[in-house]
C-alpha cells in the first residue's frame, strides 16, 4: 500500500523510533510501512493518522484507483 508516512515523519523532524513509540509499535514496523513492504492494520492506520492529524485517506492509498472508480459506477 502506498503511503506518505516517511514524508510526514521527516516534515516533523521525527525519527522512526519516535514515531514508533508514539503509535505503540516497533521501529521495524515503521520501516516496513515506509518502504511499502508491509501494510498497517486498520487500527495502526488510525493511530498514525491521528498522530499526524490527518484523515487516513490522505496518508494511505492503493495504486488501484480505477478499481475503486469502476466499483462505484456499477
N, C-alpha and C. Protein backbone atom coordinates (compact mmCIF):
# COMPACT_ATOMS: atom_id res chain seq x y z
N UNK A 1 0.84 -1.17 0.00
CA UNK A 1 0.00 0.00 0.00
C UNK A 1 0.90 1.25 0.00
N UNK A 2 0.60 2.13 -0.92
CA UNK A 2 1.38 3.36 -0.99
C UNK A 2 1.01 4.25 0.18
N UNK A 3 1.98 5.07 0.61
CA UNK A 3 1.72 5.97 1.73
C UNK A 3 2.75 7.09 1.75
N UNK A 4 2.46 8.10 2.57
CA UNK A 4 3.37 9.24 2.72
C UNK A 4 3.87 9.36 4.15
N UNK A 5 3.96 8.24 4.85
CA UNK A 5 4.39 8.26 6.24
C UNK A 5 5.79 8.84 6.37
N UNK A 6 6.72 8.40 5.53
CA UNK A 6 8.10 8.90 5.61
C UNK A 6 8.15 10.42 5.45
N UNK A 7 7.42 10.93 4.46
CA UNK A 7 7.41 12.38 4.22
C UNK A 7 6.87 13.13 5.43
N UNK A 8 5.74 12.67 5.97
CA UNK A 8 5.16 13.34 7.13
C UNK A 8 6.09 13.29 8.33
N UNK A 9 6.72 12.15 8.54
CA UNK A 9 7.63 11.99 9.67
C UNK A 9 8.82 12.93 9.52
N UNK A 10 9.38 12.99 8.34
CA UNK A 10 10.54 13.86 8.10
C UNK A 10 10.16 15.34 8.21
N UNK A 11 8.96 15.67 7.73
CA UNK A 11 8.50 17.06 7.83
C UNK A 11 8.42 17.52 9.29
N UNK A 12 8.18 16.57 10.19
CA UNK A 12 8.09 16.89 11.62
C UNK A 12 9.42 16.65 12.35
N UNK A 13 10.46 16.32 11.58
CA UNK A 13 11.78 16.04 12.15
C UNK A 13 11.74 14.95 13.23
N UNK A 14 10.98 13.91 12.97
CA UNK A 14 10.87 12.78 13.89
C UNK A 14 11.72 11.62 13.39
N UNK A 15 12.29 10.89 14.31
CA UNK A 15 12.98 9.65 13.95
C UNK A 15 11.93 8.55 13.79
N UNK A 16 12.33 7.47 13.17
CA UNK A 16 11.44 6.32 13.06
C UNK A 16 11.09 5.80 14.45
N UNK A 17 12.05 5.82 15.35
CA UNK A 17 11.80 5.34 16.71
C UNK A 17 10.80 6.22 17.44
N UNK A 18 10.90 7.53 17.25
CA UNK A 18 9.96 8.44 17.92
C UNK A 18 8.53 8.20 17.43
N UNK A 19 8.37 8.01 16.12
CA UNK A 19 7.04 7.71 15.60
C UNK A 19 6.56 6.36 16.12
N UNK A 20 7.43 5.38 16.09
CA UNK A 20 7.06 4.05 16.59
C UNK A 20 6.60 4.11 18.04
N UNK A 21 7.34 4.82 18.87
CA UNK A 21 6.96 4.97 20.28
C UNK A 21 5.61 5.67 20.43
N UNK A 22 5.37 6.67 19.60
CA UNK A 22 4.14 7.45 19.69
C UNK A 22 2.90 6.63 19.34
N UNK A 23 3.06 5.66 18.42
CA UNK A 23 1.90 4.87 18.00
C UNK A 23 1.92 3.45 18.55
N UNK A 24 2.94 3.12 19.35
CA UNK A 24 2.96 1.84 20.04
C UNK A 24 3.37 0.63 19.23
N UNK A 25 4.31 0.83 18.31
CA UNK A 25 4.83 -0.30 17.52
C UNK A 25 6.36 -0.26 17.53
N UNK A 26 6.97 -1.24 16.91
CA UNK A 26 8.43 -1.28 16.83
C UNK A 26 8.93 -0.37 15.70
N UNK A 27 10.18 0.01 15.80
CA UNK A 27 10.81 0.79 14.73
C UNK A 27 10.78 0.00 13.43
N UNK A 28 10.96 -1.32 13.52
CA UNK A 28 10.95 -2.17 12.32
C UNK A 28 9.60 -2.09 11.60
N UNK A 29 8.53 -2.00 12.35
CA UNK A 29 7.20 -1.86 11.74
C UNK A 29 7.11 -0.58 10.94
N UNK A 30 7.61 0.52 11.48
CA UNK A 30 7.60 1.80 10.77
C UNK A 30 8.46 1.70 9.51
N UNK A 31 9.62 1.08 9.61
CA UNK A 31 10.49 0.90 8.45
C UNK A 31 9.75 0.16 7.34
N UNK A 32 9.08 -0.94 7.70
CA UNK A 32 8.37 -1.74 6.70
C UNK A 32 7.22 -0.98 6.06
N UNK A 33 6.52 -0.18 6.85
CA UNK A 33 5.43 0.62 6.30
C UNK A 33 5.98 1.69 5.35
N UNK A 34 7.03 2.37 5.77
CA UNK A 34 7.61 3.42 4.92
C UNK A 34 8.15 2.86 3.62
N UNK A 35 8.71 1.67 3.66
CA UNK A 35 9.24 1.04 2.45
C UNK A 35 8.17 0.32 1.64
N UNK A 36 6.93 0.37 2.14
CA UNK A 36 5.77 -0.25 1.50
C UNK A 36 5.96 -1.76 1.35
N UNK A 37 6.66 -2.36 2.31
CA UNK A 37 6.84 -3.81 2.35
C UNK A 37 5.77 -4.48 3.20
N UNK A 38 5.09 -3.70 4.03
CA UNK A 38 4.06 -4.21 4.93
C UNK A 38 2.93 -3.20 5.02
N UNK A 39 1.71 -3.68 4.99
CA UNK A 39 0.55 -2.81 5.14
C UNK A 39 0.16 -2.76 6.61
N UNK A 40 -0.08 -1.58 7.14
CA UNK A 40 -0.51 -1.49 8.54
C UNK A 40 -1.94 -1.99 8.72
N UNK A 41 -2.23 -2.47 9.90
CA UNK A 41 -3.61 -2.86 10.21
C UNK A 41 -4.48 -1.61 10.21
N UNK A 42 -5.77 -1.81 10.19
CA UNK A 42 -6.69 -0.68 10.23
C UNK A 42 -6.49 0.17 11.47
N UNK A 43 -6.29 -0.49 12.60
CA UNK A 43 -6.11 0.26 13.85
C UNK A 43 -4.80 1.04 13.85
N UNK A 44 -3.76 0.47 13.25
CA UNK A 44 -2.49 1.20 13.17
C UNK A 44 -2.60 2.37 12.20
N UNK A 45 -3.33 2.18 11.10
CA UNK A 45 -3.55 3.31 10.19
C UNK A 45 -4.22 4.46 10.92
N UNK A 46 -5.19 4.14 11.77
CA UNK A 46 -5.88 5.19 12.52
C UNK A 46 -4.96 5.86 13.53
N UNK A 47 -4.12 5.08 14.20
CA UNK A 47 -3.18 5.66 15.17
C UNK A 47 -2.21 6.61 14.47
N UNK A 48 -1.68 6.18 13.33
CA UNK A 48 -0.73 7.02 12.58
C UNK A 48 -1.44 8.27 12.08
N UNK A 49 -2.63 8.10 11.54
CA UNK A 49 -3.40 9.24 11.02
C UNK A 49 -3.73 10.23 12.12
N UNK A 50 -4.15 9.72 13.26
CA UNK A 50 -4.46 10.60 14.40
C UNK A 50 -3.21 11.33 14.87
N UNK A 51 -2.10 10.64 14.90
CA UNK A 51 -0.84 11.27 15.33
C UNK A 51 -0.51 12.46 14.44
N UNK A 52 -0.68 12.30 13.12
CA UNK A 52 -0.37 13.38 12.19
C UNK A 52 -1.53 14.35 11.99
N UNK A 53 -2.69 14.05 12.59
CA UNK A 53 -3.85 14.94 12.47
C UNK A 53 -4.43 14.97 11.07
N UNK A 54 -4.42 13.81 10.42
CA UNK A 54 -4.92 13.73 9.04
C UNK A 54 -5.90 12.58 8.90
N UNK A 55 -6.71 12.65 7.87
CA UNK A 55 -7.60 11.55 7.51
C UNK A 55 -6.73 10.42 6.96
N UNK A 56 -7.03 9.16 7.29
CA UNK A 56 -6.23 8.05 6.77
C UNK A 56 -6.09 8.05 5.25
N UNK A 57 -7.11 8.52 4.55
CA UNK A 57 -7.07 8.54 3.08
C UNK A 57 -6.06 9.55 2.55
N UNK A 58 -5.65 10.49 3.38
CA UNK A 58 -4.61 11.44 2.98
C UNK A 58 -3.21 10.83 3.10
N UNK A 59 -3.09 9.77 3.88
CA UNK A 59 -1.79 9.16 4.15
C UNK A 59 -1.62 7.83 3.43
N UNK A 60 -2.65 7.01 3.47
CA UNK A 60 -2.58 5.66 2.91
C UNK A 60 -3.50 5.54 1.71
N UNK A 61 -2.98 4.96 0.64
CA UNK A 61 -3.80 4.79 -0.55
C UNK A 61 -3.26 3.64 -1.38
N UNK A 62 -4.15 3.05 -2.17
CA UNK A 62 -3.76 1.96 -3.04
C UNK A 62 -3.48 2.50 -4.43
N UNK A 63 -2.78 1.71 -5.19
CA UNK A 63 -2.46 2.08 -6.57
C UNK A 63 -3.65 1.87 -7.50
N UNK A 64 -4.62 1.09 -7.07
CA UNK A 64 -5.70 0.68 -7.94
C UNK A 64 -6.89 1.63 -7.87
N UNK A 65 -6.68 2.87 -8.28
CA UNK A 65 -7.74 3.88 -8.26
C UNK A 65 -8.85 3.50 -9.23
N UNK A 66 -8.49 2.94 -10.38
CA UNK A 66 -9.50 2.56 -11.37
C UNK A 66 -10.48 1.54 -10.82
N UNK A 67 -10.01 0.60 -10.02
CA UNK A 67 -10.91 -0.39 -9.42
C UNK A 67 -11.95 0.28 -8.54
N UNK A 68 -11.53 1.20 -7.72
CA UNK A 68 -12.45 1.90 -6.83
C UNK A 68 -13.46 2.70 -7.63
N UNK A 69 -13.01 3.38 -8.68
CA UNK A 69 -13.92 4.16 -9.51
C UNK A 69 -14.91 3.25 -10.24
N UNK A 70 -14.42 2.16 -10.79
CA UNK A 70 -15.30 1.25 -11.52
C UNK A 70 -16.31 0.60 -10.60
N UNK A 71 -15.88 0.22 -9.42
CA UNK A 71 -16.76 -0.42 -8.46
C UNK A 71 -17.92 0.51 -8.10
N UNK A 72 -17.65 1.80 -7.99
CA UNK A 72 -18.68 2.76 -7.63
C UNK A 72 -19.65 3.09 -8.74
N UNK A 73 -19.33 2.75 -9.98
CA UNK A 73 -20.20 3.10 -11.10
C UNK A 73 -21.12 1.98 -11.50
N UNK A 74 -21.00 0.80 -10.90
CA UNK A 74 -21.87 -0.33 -11.27
C UNK A 74 -23.26 -0.17 -10.73
